[in-house]
């Protein structure tokens, strides 16, 4: 019978929050035979022990797992979630000693375990120790807001409002999407604007920053389209600090969809909070074919400066048909030759 080996891959802590740190961490291993061949789609048994202080130290916890490897021989285990043999995983004092993980394997999926080796647990699983912060006697710590005196933040944001220099997103002592019940994009954070939580594109709280947004799809301005419609991708929602000027620039292309002698007439407008600019900020683009050349391209380009109240504002670029053309128009898209761009620059004055 071939001997069986393991390739240890990685450890991952799932301690995402102090208040609800799960009492488990992930362990992955690839089972191979002595020839280096993976044991794919095979039932295997593991015995996992947490040893204290050394590879031959006392076991503070032991559990077993019966799993099936995948097509790559990979086995996934949730340490702390197996069948308990001895000890209590929840009571391991991760900060009180160094620990090692000992792995035993039965390649036949039974309980005739063979020792495969031990390795030291480094910093990742110790994130579980962070949850013990809930037992701290906050009353003995100075300079802690009143609503944190019992170790949590159940008293609302009143005490935090008395602190200076705290960003708006931290008025409740926490800054994350989960608190707000939102799922924000990777370039956004959840901020509290004084009324509600909103997903906001990250920007400097000092007001010195610039942000770009690019067209994500081509829009078609039909001759019958007479109301402004968002150009896909050309929108940004930003928290504008006080005492700032906002410079909005946009450019992109419009193409006449017809061949032969025809023209598309499309209006392009910068909008702030859904309102088109009453002065400047709007252009009419006419893409006109000739006898020899069809599907002509013409480009818009404009810049306008705004003075906006402090708070959250949505700035976008929209299109509509002027009603005077003889053909539809393609607006923006993902091809760099026609793709629209919206640049918002915030300057502290």
C-alpha atoms as a PDB file:
ATOM      1  CA  UNK A   1       0.000   0.000   0.000  1.00  0.00           C
ATOM      2  CA  UNK A   2       1.306   3.451  -0.860  1.00  0.00           C
ATOM      3  CA  UNK A   3       2.193   5.798   1.923  1.00  0.00           C
ATOM      4  CA  UNK A   4       0.134   8.910   2.172  1.00  0.00           C
ATOM      5  CA  UNK A   5       1.432  12.472   2.579  1.00  0.00           C
ATOM      6  CA  UNK A   6      -0.035  15.892   3.118  1.00  0.00           C
ATOM      7  CA  UNK A   7       0.844  19.286   1.678  1.00  0.00           C
ATOM      8  CA  UNK A   8      -0.219  21.915   4.188  1.00  0.00           C
ATOM      9  CA  UNK A   9      -1.558  25.011   2.450  1.00  0.00           C
ATOM     10  CA  UNK A  10      -2.802  27.760   4.720  1.00  0.00           C
ATOM     11  CA  UNK A  11      -4.612  28.920   7.831  1.00  0.00           C
ATOM     12  CA  UNK A  12      -7.337  31.543   7.713  1.00  0.00           C
ATOM     13  CA  UNK A  13      -8.914  33.269  10.695  1.00  0.00           C
ATOM     14  CA  UNK A  14     -12.570  34.206  10.386  1.00  0.00           C
ATOM     15  CA  UNK A  15     -12.556  36.633  13.305  1.00  0.00           C
ATOM     16  CA  UNK A  16     -14.318  39.463  11.533  1.00  0.00           C
ATOM     17  CA  UNK A  17     -15.624  41.396  14.500  1.00  0.00           C
ATOM     18  CA  UNK A  18     -14.906  41.650  18.187  1.00  0.00           C
ATOM     19  CA  UNK A  19     -18.535  41.245  19.144  1.00  0.00           C
ATOM     20  CA  UNK A  20     -19.142  38.076  17.141  1.00  0.00           C
ATOM     21  CA  UNK A  21     -15.783  36.364  16.584  1.00  0.00           C
ATOM     22  CA  UNK A  22     -16.571  32.798  15.451  1.00  0.00           C
ATOM     23  CA  UNK A  23     -14.872  30.033  17.459  1.00  0.00           C
ATOM     24  CA  UNK A  24     -13.385  28.397  14.370  1.00  0.00           C
ATOM     25  CA  UNK A  25     -10.624  28.887  11.835  1.00  0.00           C
ATOM     26  CA  UNK A  26     -10.098  27.269   8.467  1.00  0.00           C
ATOM     27  CA  UNK A  27      -7.442  24.691   7.645  1.00  0.00           C
ATOM     28  CA  UNK A  28      -6.680  23.353   4.182  1.00  0.00           C
ATOM     29  CA  UNK A  29      -4.438  20.474   3.124  1.00  0.00           C
ATOM     30  CA  UNK A  30      -3.720  18.529  -0.069  1.00  0.00           C
ATOM     31  CA  UNK A  31      -3.415  14.755   0.341  1.00  0.00           C
ATOM     32  CA  UNK A  32      -0.858  13.072  -1.929  1.00  0.00           C
ATOM     33  CA  UNK A  33       0.762   9.662  -2.114  1.00  0.00           C
ATOM     34  CA  UNK A  34       4.520   9.129  -2.006  1.00  0.00           C
ATOM     35  CA  UNK A  35       4.693   9.436  -5.794  1.00  0.00           C
ATOM     36  CA  UNK A  36       3.290  12.922  -5.520  1.00  0.00           C
ATOM     37  CA  UNK A  37      -0.092  11.976  -6.949  1.00  0.00           C
ATOM     38  CA  UNK A  38      -3.046  13.706  -5.352  1.00  0.00           C
ATOM     39  CA  UNK A  39      -5.796  11.694  -3.695  1.00  0.00           C
ATOM     40  CA  UNK A  40      -8.680  13.150  -5.656  1.00  0.00           C
ATOM     41  CA  UNK A  41     -12.347  12.732  -4.696  1.00  0.00           C
ATOM     42  CA  UNK A  42     -11.474  10.361  -1.863  1.00  0.00           C
ATOM     43  CA  UNK A  43     -13.009  10.002   1.603  1.00  0.00           C
ATOM     44  CA  UNK A  44     -10.375  10.652   4.271  1.00  0.00           C
ATOM     45  CA  UNK A  45     -10.377  11.016   8.043  1.00  0.00           C
ATOM     46  CA  UNK A  46      -8.496  13.630  10.074  1.00  0.00           C
ATOM     47  CA  UNK A  47      -7.685  13.893  13.760  1.00  0.00           C
ATOM     48  CA  UNK A  48      -6.669  17.413  14.710  1.00  0.00           C
ATOM     49  CA  UNK A  49      -5.092  18.306  18.046  1.00  0.00           C
ATOM     50  CA  UNK A  50      -4.045  21.676  19.476  1.00  0.00           C
ATOM     51  CA  UNK A  51      -0.831  21.170  21.452  1.00  0.00           C
ATOM     52  CA  UNK A  52       0.468  23.619  24.034  1.00  0.00           C
ATOM     53  CA  UNK A  53       4.055  24.968  24.055  1.00  0.00           C
ATOM     54  CA  UNK A  54       5.708  22.378  21.744  1.00  0.00           C
ATOM     55  CA  UNK A  55       5.141  19.702  19.101  1.00  0.00           C
ATOM     56  CA  UNK A  56       5.153  17.153  21.921  1.00  0.00           C
ATOM     57  CA  UNK A  57       3.196  19.317  24.352  1.00  0.00           C
ATOM     58  CA  UNK A  58      -0.069  18.595  26.108  1.00  0.00           C
ATOM     59  CA  UNK A  59      -3.147  18.436  23.914  1.00  0.00           C
ATOM     60  CA  UNK A  60      -5.639  21.071  25.046  1.00  0.00           C
ATOM     61  CA  UNK A  61      -8.148  20.107  22.374  1.00  0.00           C
ATOM     62  CA  UNK A  62      -8.705  17.235  19.914  1.00  0.00           C
ATOM     63  CA  UNK A  63     -11.380  16.730  17.280  1.00  0.00           C
ATOM     64  CA  UNK A  64     -11.972  14.533  14.231  1.00  0.00           C
ATOM     65  CA  UNK A  65     -13.246  15.224  10.697  1.00  0.00           C
ATOM     66  CA  UNK A  66     -14.547  12.915   7.968  1.00  0.00           C
ATOM     67  CA  UNK A  67     -14.278  14.716   4.639  1.00  0.00           C
ATOM     68  CA  UNK A  68     -13.969  14.055   0.922  1.00  0.00           C
ATOM     69  CA  UNK A  69     -11.139  15.658  -1.048  1.00  0.00           C
ATOM     70  CA  UNK A  70     -11.985  17.555  -4.214  1.00  0.00           C
ATOM     71  CA  UNK A  71     -10.674  16.947  -7.710  1.00  0.00           C
ATOM     72  CA  UNK A  72      -7.367  18.525  -6.688  1.00  0.00           C
ATOM     73  CA  UNK A  73      -6.974  16.461  -3.518  1.00  0.00           C
ATOM     74  CA  UNK A  74      -7.843  19.463  -1.375  1.00  0.00           C
ATOM     75  CA  UNK A  75      -9.528  18.963   2.003  1.00  0.00           C
ATOM     76  CA  UNK A  76     -11.172  21.878   3.821  1.00  0.00           C
ATOM     77  CA  UNK A  77     -11.620  21.735   7.591  1.00  0.00           C
ATOM     78  CA  UNK A  78     -13.163  24.163  10.045  1.00  0.00           C
ATOM     79  CA  UNK A  79     -10.998  23.748  13.131  1.00  0.00           C
ATOM     80  CA  UNK A  80     -13.257  24.069  16.136  1.00  0.00           C
ATOM     81  CA  UNK A  81     -16.193  22.625  14.221  1.00  0.00           C
ATOM     82  CA  UNK A  82     -15.284  18.923  14.182  1.00  0.00           C
ATOM     83  CA  UNK A  83     -16.402  16.022  16.353  1.00  0.00           C
ATOM     84  CA  UNK A  84     -14.905  16.742  19.775  1.00  0.00           C
ATOM     85  CA  UNK A  85     -12.677  14.044  21.289  1.00  0.00           C
ATOM     86  CA  UNK A  86     -11.348  16.033  24.234  1.00  0.00           C
ATOM     87  CA  UNK A  87     -11.083  19.603  25.503  1.00  0.00           C
ATOM     88  CA  UNK A  88     -13.163  22.694  24.770  1.00  0.00           C
ATOM     89  CA  UNK A  89     -12.141  24.835  21.806  1.00  0.00           C
ATOM     90  CA  UNK A  90     -13.962  27.918  23.090  1.00  0.00           C
ATOM     91  CA  UNK A  91     -11.890  28.027  26.268  1.00  0.00           C
ATOM     92  CA  UNK A  92      -8.413  27.862  24.689  1.00  0.00           C
ATOM     93  CA  UNK A  93      -6.383  30.800  26.022  1.00  0.00           C
ATOM     94  CA  UNK A  94      -4.779  31.806  22.716  1.00  0.00           C
ATOM     95  CA  UNK A  95      -2.898  34.651  24.347  1.00  0.00           C
ATOM     96  CA  UNK A  96      -1.555  32.585  27.245  1.00  0.00           C
ATOM     97  CA  UNK A  97       0.891  30.263  25.440  1.00  0.00           C
ATOM     98  CA  UNK A  98       2.203  29.204  22.042  1.00  0.00           C
ATOM     99  CA  UNK A  99       0.269  26.470  20.279  1.00  0.00           C
ATOM    100  CA  UNK A 100       0.919  23.845  17.625  1.00  0.00           C
ATOM    101  CA  UNK A 101      -1.510  22.024  15.362  1.00  0.00           C
ATOM    102  CA  UNK A 102      -0.993  18.260  15.100  1.00  0.00           C
ATOM    103  CA  UNK A 103      -2.507  16.463  12.101  1.00  0.00           C
ATOM    104  CA  UNK A 104      -3.250  12.762  11.817  1.00  0.00           C
ATOM    105  CA  UNK A 105      -4.764  11.149   8.707  1.00  0.00           C
ATOM    106  CA  UNK A 106      -6.570   7.967   7.753  1.00  0.00           C
ATOM    107  CA  UNK A 107      -6.498   7.879   3.939  1.00  0.00           C
ATOM    108  CA  UNK A 108      -9.196   5.186   3.942  1.00  0.00           C
ATOM    109  CA  UNK A 109     -11.664   7.487   5.660  1.00  0.00           C
ATOM    110  CA  UNK A 110     -11.707   5.563   8.941  1.00  0.00           C
ATOM    111  CA  UNK A 111     -10.185   6.198  12.360  1.00  0.00           C
ATOM    112  CA  UNK A 112      -6.833   4.389  11.992  1.00  0.00           C
ATOM    113  CA  UNK A 113      -5.023   7.708  12.097  1.00  0.00           C
ATOM    114  CA  UNK A 114      -1.342   8.084  11.184  1.00  0.00           C
ATOM    115  CA  UNK A 115       0.641  11.056  12.450  1.00  0.00           C
ATOM    116  CA  UNK A 116       1.464  13.411   9.574  1.00  0.00           C
ATOM    117  CA  UNK A 117       3.229  16.162  11.507  1.00  0.00           C
ATOM    118  CA  UNK A 118       2.851  19.268  13.627  1.00  0.00           C
ATOM    119  CA  UNK A 119       3.431  22.950  12.963  1.00  0.00           C
ATOM    120  CA  UNK A 120       3.230  26.072  15.046  1.00  0.00           C
ATOM    121  CA  UNK A 121       0.148  28.256  14.884  1.00  0.00           C
ATOM    122  CA  UNK A 122       1.256  31.792  14.280  1.00  0.00           C
ATOM    123  CA  UNK A 123      -0.700  35.021  14.631  1.00  0.00           C
ATOM    124  CA  UNK A 124      -3.816  34.358  12.538  1.00  0.00           C
ATOM    125  CA  UNK A 125      -5.959  32.141  14.825  1.00  0.00           C
ATOM    126  CA  UNK A 126      -5.048  34.371  17.730  1.00  0.00           C
ATOM    127  CA  UNK A 127      -7.581  36.845  16.374  1.00  0.00           C
ATOM    128  CA  UNK A 128      -9.999  34.733  18.403  1.00  0.00           C
ATOM    129  CA  UNK A 129      -8.374  36.229  21.480  1.00  0.00           C
ATOM    130  CA  UNK A 130      -9.639  39.670  20.467  1.00  0.00           C
ATOM    131  CA  UNK A 131     -13.172  38.794  21.548  1.00  0.00           C
ATOM    132  CA  UNK A 132     -12.035  38.842  25.197  1.00  0.00           C
ATOM    133  CA  UNK A 133     -12.112  42.644  24.968  1.00  0.00           C
ATOM    134  CA  UNK A 134     -15.813  42.363  25.836  1.00  0.00           C
ATOM    135  CA  UNK A 135     -14.844  41.383  29.384  1.00  0.00           C
ATOM    136  CA  UNK A 136     -12.722  44.485  29.998  1.00  0.00           C
ATOM    137  CA  UNK A 137     -13.877  46.700  32.853  1.00  0.00           C
ATOM    138  CA  UNK A 138     -14.245  49.881  30.817  1.00  0.00           C
ATOM    139  CA  UNK A 139     -15.045  51.899  33.922  1.00  0.00           C
ATOM    140  CA  UNK A 140     -11.382  51.567  34.906  1.00  0.00           C
ATOM    141  CA  UNK A 141     -10.204  53.098  31.613  1.00  0.00           C
ATOM    142  CA  UNK A 142     -10.021  56.866  31.206  1.00  0.00           C
ATOM    143  CA  UNK A 143     -11.088  58.941  28.187  1.00  0.00           C
ATOM    144  CA  UNK A 144     -13.691  56.419  27.040  1.00  0.00           C
ATOM    145  CA  UNK A 145     -17.011  57.857  25.775  1.00  0.00           C
ATOM    146  CA  UNK A 146     -19.848  57.319  28.237  1.00  0.00           C
ATOM    147  CA  UNK A 147     -21.815  55.011  25.960  1.00  0.00           C
ATOM    148  CA  UNK A 148     -18.855  52.591  25.861  1.00  0.00           C
ATOM    149  CA  UNK A 149     -18.594  52.222  29.637  1.00  0.00           C
ATOM    150  CA  UNK A 150     -20.165  48.757  29.555  1.00  0.00           C
ATOM    151  CA  UNK A 151     -17.934  47.485  26.735  1.00  0.00           C
ATOM    152  CA  UNK A 152     -20.316  47.972  23.863  1.00  0.00           C
ATOM    153  CA  UNK A 153     -21.874  50.839  21.962  1.00  0.00           C
ATOM    154  CA  UNK A 154     -25.552  50.659  22.852  1.00  0.00           C
ATOM    155  CA  UNK A 155     -25.950  54.180  24.084  1.00  0.00           C
ATOM    156  CA  UNK A 156     -26.226  55.808  20.693  1.00  0.00           C
ATOM    157  CA  UNK A 157     -23.950  58.464  19.302  1.00  0.00           C
ATOM    158  CA  UNK A 158     -24.438  61.191  21.902  1.00  0.00           C
ATOM    159  CA  UNK A 159     -21.080  60.717  23.614  1.00  0.00           C
ATOM    160  CA  UNK A 160     -19.231  60.436  20.328  1.00  0.00           C
ATOM    161  CA  UNK A 161     -20.697  63.732  19.176  1.00  0.00           C
ATOM    162  CA  UNK A 162     -18.740  65.433  21.933  1.00  0.00           C
ATOM    163  CA  UNK A 163     -15.437  64.252  20.478  1.00  0.00           C
ATOM    164  CA  UNK A 164     -13.524  66.424  18.037  1.00  0.00           C
ATOM    165  CA  UNK A 165     -11.919  65.305  14.801  1.00  0.00           C
ATOM    166  CA  UNK A 166     -14.067  62.170  14.429  1.00  0.00           C
ATOM    167  CA  UNK A 167     -14.972  61.505  10.724  1.00  0.00           C
ATOM    168  CA  UNK A 168     -18.692  61.446   9.917  1.00  0.00           C
ATOM    169  CA  UNK A 169     -18.633  57.701   9.302  1.00  0.00           C
ATOM    170  CA  UNK A 170     -17.610  57.069  12.908  1.00  0.00           C
ATOM    171  CA  UNK A 171     -20.408  58.929  14.713  1.00  0.00           C
ATOM    172  CA  UNK A 172     -21.672  55.641  16.125  1.00  0.00           C
ATOM    173  CA  UNK A 173     -18.195  54.391  17.036  1.00  0.00           C
ATOM    174  CA  UNK A 174     -18.076  51.970  14.109  1.00  0.00           C
ATOM    175  CA  UNK A 175     -17.366  52.384  10.406  1.00  0.00           C
ATOM    176  CA  UNK A 176     -18.517  49.438   8.352  1.00  0.00           C
ATOM    177  CA  UNK A 177     -21.125  48.392   5.821  1.00  0.00           C
ATOM    178  CA  UNK A 178     -22.704  45.790   8.107  1.00  0.00           C
ATOM    179  CA  UNK A 179     -23.765  48.327  10.706  1.00  0.00           C
ATOM    180  CA  UNK A 180     -25.581  50.285   8.021  1.00  0.00           C
ATOM    181  CA  UNK A 181     -27.075  47.176   6.399  1.00  0.00           C
ATOM    182  CA  UNK A 182     -25.396  48.125   3.129  1.00  0.00           C
ATOM    183  CA  UNK A 183     -23.222  46.336   0.593  1.00  0.00           C
ATOM    184  CA  UNK A 184     -20.825  48.950  -0.746  1.00  0.00           C
ATOM    185  CA  UNK A 185     -18.460  48.686  -3.700  1.00  0.00           C
ATOM    186  CA  UNK A 186     -14.765  48.097  -3.146  1.00  0.00           C
ATOM    187  CA  UNK A 187     -14.004  51.780  -3.669  1.00  0.00           C
ATOM    188  CA  UNK A 188     -16.735  52.900  -1.257  1.00  0.00           C
ATOM    189  CA  UNK A 189     -17.327  53.073   2.477  1.00  0.00           C
ATOM    190  CA  UNK A 190     -20.517  53.473   4.494  1.00  0.00           C
ATOM    191  CA  UNK A 191     -20.778  57.018   5.841  1.00  0.00           C
ATOM    192  CA  UNK A 192     -23.423  58.613   8.035  1.00  0.00           C
ATOM    193  CA  UNK A 193     -24.532  61.943   6.547  1.00  0.00           C
ATOM    194  CA  UNK A 194     -26.470  63.108   9.602  1.00  0.00           C
ATOM    195  CA  UNK A 195     -29.688  61.454   8.481  1.00  0.00           C
ATOM    196  CA  UNK A 196     -28.872  58.014   7.114  1.00  0.00           C
ATOM    197  CA  UNK A 197     -26.040  55.699   6.107  1.00  0.00           C
ATOM    198  CA  UNK A 198     -24.993  55.856   2.440  1.00  0.00           C
ATOM    199  CA  UNK A 199     -22.379  54.081   0.321  1.00  0.00           C
ATOM    200  CA  UNK A 200     -19.900  56.785  -0.568  1.00  0.00           C
ATOM    201  CA  UNK A 201     -16.904  56.793  -2.882  1.00  0.00           C
ATOM    202  CA  UNK A 202     -13.878  57.188  -0.683  1.00  0.00           C
ATOM    203  CA  UNK A 203     -12.355  60.661  -0.653  1.00  0.00           C
ATOM    204  CA  UNK A 204     -10.160  62.791   1.559  1.00  0.00           C
ATOM    205  CA  UNK A 205     -12.047  64.461   4.410  1.00  0.00           C
ATOM    206  CA  UNK A 206      -9.874  67.540   3.836  1.00  0.00           C
ATOM    207  CA  UNK A 207     -11.543  68.151   0.491  1.00  0.00           C
ATOM    208  CA  UNK A 208      -8.467  67.777  -1.716  1.00  0.00           C
ATOM    209  CA  UNK A 209      -9.104  64.931  -4.144  1.00  0.00           C
ATOM    210  CA  UNK A 210     -10.103  63.964  -7.673  1.00  0.00           C
ATOM    211  CA  UNK A 211     -12.279  61.066  -8.857  1.00  0.00           C
ATOM    212  CA  UNK A 212     -12.866  59.525 -12.295  1.00  0.00           C
ATOM    213  CA  UNK A 213     -15.814  57.505 -13.572  1.00  0.00           C
ATOM    214  CA  UNK A 214     -15.880  55.887 -17.027  1.00  0.00           C
ATOM    215  CA  UNK A 215     -18.624  54.768 -19.370  1.00  0.00           C
ATOM    216  CA  UNK A 216     -19.583  51.136 -18.779  1.00  0.00           C
ATOM    217  CA  UNK A 217     -21.949  50.536 -21.706  1.00  0.00           C
ATOM    218  CA  UNK A 218     -23.104  52.237 -24.884  1.00  0.00           C
ATOM    219  CA  UNK A 219     -26.366  54.165 -24.758  1.00  0.00           C
ATOM    220  CA  UNK A 220     -28.527  54.810 -27.808  1.00  0.00           C
ATOM    221  CA  UNK A 221     -30.203  58.188 -28.072  1.00  0.00           C
ATOM    222  CA  UNK A 222     -33.398  57.454 -29.994  1.00  0.00           C
ATOM    223  CA  UNK A 223     -35.060  60.239 -31.893  1.00  0.00           C
ATOM    224  CA  UNK A 224     -38.016  59.753 -29.538  1.00  0.00           C
ATOM    225  CA  UNK A 225     -35.849  60.071 -26.394  1.00  0.00           C
ATOM    226  CA  UNK A 226     -36.541  63.630 -25.238  1.00  0.00           C
ATOM    227  CA  UNK A 227     -35.921  63.309 -21.491  1.00  0.00           C
ATOM    228  CA  UNK A 228     -32.484  63.157 -19.919  1.00  0.00           C
ATOM    229  CA  UNK A 229     -31.232  59.587 -19.238  1.00  0.00           C
ATOM    230  CA  UNK A 230     -28.079  58.566 -17.372  1.00  0.00           C
ATOM    231  CA  UNK A 231     -25.073  57.632 -19.489  1.00  0.00           C
ATOM    232  CA  UNK A 232     -24.093  54.228 -18.024  1.00  0.00           C
ATOM    233  CA  UNK A 233     -21.157  54.534 -15.636  1.00  0.00           C
ATOM    234  CA  UNK A 234     -20.942  58.333 -15.612  1.00  0.00           C
ATOM    235  CA  UNK A 235     -22.135  58.876 -12.039  1.00  0.00           C
ATOM    236  CA  UNK A 236     -20.441  59.551  -8.719  1.00  0.00           C
ATOM    237  CA  UNK A 237     -21.823  59.953  -5.202  1.00  0.00           C
ATOM    238  CA  UNK A 238     -19.449  61.899  -2.964  1.00  0.00           C
ATOM    239  CA  UNK A 239     -19.418  63.480   0.473  1.00  0.00           C
ATOM    240  CA  UNK A 240     -18.486  67.108  -0.141  1.00  0.00           C
ATOM    241  CA  UNK A 241     -16.833  68.815   2.852  1.00  0.00           C
ATOM    242  CA  UNK A 242     -17.626  72.387   3.801  1.00  0.00           C
ATOM    243  CA  UNK A 243     -15.729  75.275   2.217  1.00  0.00           C
ATOM    244  CA  UNK A 244     -14.976  73.464  -1.022  1.00  0.00           C
ATOM    245  CA  UNK A 245     -15.277  74.112  -4.726  1.00  0.00           C
ATOM    246  CA  UNK A 246     -16.309  71.199  -6.944  1.00  0.00           C
ATOM    247  CA  UNK A 247     -14.935  71.147 -10.485  1.00  0.00           C
ATOM    248  CA  UNK A 248     -16.794  68.791 -12.825  1.00  0.00           C
ATOM    249  CA  UNK A 249     -15.349  67.845 -16.214  1.00  0.00           C
ATOM    250  CA  UNK A 250     -16.749  65.444 -18.782  1.00  0.00           C
ATOM    251  CA  UNK A 251     -15.992  64.350 -22.321  1.00  0.00           C
ATOM    252  CA  UNK A 252     -16.913  61.535 -24.662  1.00  0.00           C
ATOM    253  CA  UNK A 253     -18.226  60.690 -28.102  1.00  0.00           C
ATOM    254  CA  UNK A 254     -21.522  60.589 -30.017  1.00  0.00           C
ATOM    255  CA  UNK A 255     -21.850  58.589 -33.247  1.00  0.00           C
ATOM    256  CA  UNK A 256     -24.516  58.862 -35.896  1.00  0.00           C
ATOM    257  CA  UNK A 257     -25.941  55.357 -36.285  1.00  0.00           C
ATOM    258  CA  UNK A 258     -27.075  55.827 -39.881  1.00  0.00           C
ATOM    259  CA  UNK A 259     -25.179  55.540 -43.144  1.00  0.00           C
ATOM    260  CA  UNK A 260     -25.482  58.012 -45.972  1.00  0.00           C
ATOM    261  CA  UNK A 261     -26.615  61.603 -45.512  1.00  0.00           C
ATOM    262  CA  UNK A 262     -28.063  61.779 -41.989  1.00  0.00           C
ATOM    263  CA  UNK A 263     -27.307  63.329 -38.618  1.00  0.00           C
ATOM    264  CA  UNK A 264     -27.859  62.655 -34.938  1.00  0.00           C
ATOM    265  CA  UNK A 265     -28.510  65.593 -32.576  1.00  0.00           C
ATOM    266  CA  UNK A 266     -27.916  64.692 -28.927  1.00  0.00           C
ATOM    267  CA  UNK A 267     -27.959  66.894 -25.812  1.00  0.00           C
ATOM    268  CA  UNK A 268     -25.403  66.125 -23.079  1.00  0.00           C
ATOM    269  CA  UNK A 269     -25.939  67.568 -19.598  1.00  0.00           C
ATOM    270  CA  UNK A 270     -24.145  67.559 -16.248  1.00  0.00           C
ATOM    271  CA  UNK A 271     -26.602  66.905 -13.415  1.00  0.00           C
ATOM    272  CA  UNK A 272     -26.166  67.512  -9.687  1.00  0.00           C
ATOM    273  CA  UNK A 273     -28.635  65.630  -7.492  1.00  0.00           C
ATOM    274  CA  UNK A 274     -30.797  65.017 -10.568  1.00  0.00           C
ATOM    275  CA  UNK A 275     -30.946  68.658 -11.670  1.00  0.00           C
ATOM    276  CA  UNK A 276     -29.340  69.787 -14.949  1.00  0.00           C
ATOM    277  CA  UNK A 277     -27.104  72.810 -14.821  1.00  0.00           C
ATOM    278  CA  UNK A 278     -29.106  75.985 -15.525  1.00  0.00           C
ATOM    279  CA  UNK A 279     -26.011  77.772 -16.853  1.00  0.00           C
ATOM    280  CA  UNK A 280     -23.384  76.026 -18.951  1.00  0.00           C
ATOM    281  CA  UNK A 281     -22.985  72.327 -18.164  1.00  0.00           C
ATOM    282  CA  UNK A 282     -25.091  71.372 -21.226  1.00  0.00           C
ATOM    283  CA  UNK A 283     -24.083  70.918 -24.858  1.00  0.00           C
ATOM    284  CA  UNK A 284     -25.802  69.838 -28.076  1.00  0.00           C
ATOM    285  CA  UNK A 285     -23.709  67.464 -30.174  1.00  0.00           C
ATOM    286  CA  UNK A 286     -24.464  66.991 -33.868  1.00  0.00           C
ATOM    287  CA  UNK A 287     -22.843  64.016 -35.611  1.00  0.00           C
ATOM    288  CA  UNK A 288     -23.475  64.649 -39.325  1.00  0.00           C
ATOM    289  CA  UNK A 289     -22.669  62.243 -42.143  1.00  0.00           C
ATOM    290  CA  UNK A 290     -21.506  63.286 -45.590  1.00  0.00           C
ATOM    291  CA  UNK A 291     -22.108  61.645 -48.954  1.00  0.00           C
ATOM    292  CA  UNK A 292     -18.827  59.792 -48.621  1.00  0.00           C
ATOM    293  CA  UNK A 293     -18.598  59.146 -44.891  1.00  0.00           C
ATOM    294  CA  UNK A 294     -21.252  57.630 -42.638  1.00  0.00           C
ATOM    295  CA  UNK A 295     -21.556  56.949 -38.922  1.00  0.00           C
ATOM    296  CA  UNK A 296     -19.655  60.117 -38.022  1.00  0.00           C
ATOM    297  CA  UNK A 297     -18.170  60.636 -34.546  1.00  0.00           C
ATOM    298  CA  UNK A 298     -18.291  63.964 -32.697  1.00  0.00           C
ATOM    299  CA  UNK A 299     -17.058  64.625 -29.157  1.00  0.00           C
ATOM    300  CA  UNK A 300     -18.476  66.603 -26.255  1.00  0.00           C
ATOM    301  CA  UNK A 301     -16.287  68.281 -23.665  1.00  0.00           C
ATOM    302  CA  UNK A 302     -17.171  70.699 -20.862  1.00  0.00           C
ATOM    303  CA  UNK A 303     -16.067  71.808 -17.424  1.00  0.00           C
ATOM    304  CA  UNK A 304     -18.116  73.579 -14.777  1.00  0.00           C
ATOM    305  CA  UNK A 305     -17.376  74.703 -11.217  1.00  0.00           C
ATOM    306  CA  UNK A 306     -19.977  74.272  -8.472  1.00  0.00           C
ATOM    307  CA  UNK A 307     -20.353  75.561  -4.935  1.00  0.00           C
ATOM    308  CA  UNK A 308     -22.289  72.846  -3.091  1.00  0.00           C
ATOM    309  CA  UNK A 309     -23.503  72.555   0.470  1.00  0.00           C
ATOM    310  CA  UNK A 310     -21.530  70.213   2.714  1.00  0.00           C
ATOM    311  CA  UNK A 311     -22.884  66.671   2.575  1.00  0.00           C
ATOM    312  CA  UNK A 312     -23.599  63.888   0.101  1.00  0.00           C
ATOM    313  CA  UNK A 313     -24.194  64.804  -3.547  1.00  0.00           C
ATOM    314  CA  UNK A 314     -24.652  62.734  -6.702  1.00  0.00           C
ATOM    315  CA  UNK A 315     -23.045  64.111  -9.853  1.00  0.00           C
ATOM    316  CA  UNK A 316     -23.728  62.452 -13.187  1.00  0.00           C
ATOM    317  CA  UNK A 317     -23.853  62.991 -16.959  1.00  0.00           C
ATOM    318  CA  UNK A 318     -27.038  62.360 -18.935  1.00  0.00           C
ATOM    319  CA  UNK A 319     -28.165  62.421 -22.577  1.00  0.00           C
ATOM    320  CA  UNK A 320     -31.340  63.107 -24.539  1.00  0.00           C
ATOM    321  CA  UNK A 321     -32.242  63.491 -28.192  1.00  0.00           C
ATOM    322  CA  UNK A 322     -32.752  67.098 -29.230  1.00  0.00           C
ATOM    323  CA  UNK A 323     -35.621  66.100 -31.487  1.00  0.00           C
ATOM    324  CA  UNK A 324     -33.999  67.782 -34.480  1.00  0.00           C
ATOM    325  CA  UNK A 325     -31.939  64.899 -35.849  1.00  0.00           C
ATOM    326  CA  UNK A 326     -32.723  62.433 -38.608  1.00  0.00           C
ATOM    327  CA  UNK A 327     -30.983  59.440 -37.016  1.00  0.00           C
ATOM    328  CA  UNK A 328     -30.320  57.905 -33.639  1.00  0.00           C
ATOM    329  CA  UNK A 329     -26.998  58.442 -31.872  1.00  0.00           C
ATOM    330  CA  UNK A 330     -24.666  56.076 -30.053  1.00  0.00           C
ATOM    331  CA  UNK A 331     -23.482  57.725 -26.824  1.00  0.00           C
ATOM    332  CA  UNK A 332     -20.325  56.712 -24.937  1.00  0.00           C
ATOM    333  CA  UNK A 333     -19.510  53.004 -24.506  1.00  0.00           C
ATOM    334  CA  UNK A 334     -16.438  51.003 -23.513  1.00  0.00           C
ATOM    335  CA  UNK A 335     -14.362  51.588 -26.638  1.00  0.00           C
ATOM    336  CA  UNK A 336     -11.761  54.243 -25.722  1.00  0.00           C
ATOM    337  CA  UNK A 337     -12.495  56.037 -28.997  1.00  0.00           C
ATOM    338  CA  UNK A 338     -15.996  56.965 -27.809  1.00  0.00           C
ATOM    339  CA  UNK A 339     -16.021  56.156 -24.060  1.00  0.00           C
ATOM    340  CA  UNK A 340     -17.251  58.932 -21.806  1.00  0.00           C
ATOM    341  CA  UNK A 341     -15.470  60.073 -18.651  1.00  0.00           C
ATOM    342  CA  UNK A 342     -16.650  62.081 -15.652  1.00  0.00           C
ATOM    343  CA  UNK A 343     -13.995  63.709 -13.475  1.00  0.00           C
ATOM    344  CA  UNK A 344     -14.915  65.371 -10.176  1.00  0.00           C
ATOM    345  CA  UNK A 345     -12.237  67.408  -8.418  1.00  0.00           C
ATOM    346  CA  UNK A 346     -12.777  68.718  -4.889  1.00  0.00           C
ATOM    347  CA  UNK A 347     -10.687  71.704  -3.801  1.00  0.00           C
ATOM    348  CA  UNK A 348     -10.628  73.077  -0.273  1.00  0.00           C
ATOM    349  CA  UNK A 349     -10.870  76.854  -0.274  1.00  0.00           C
END
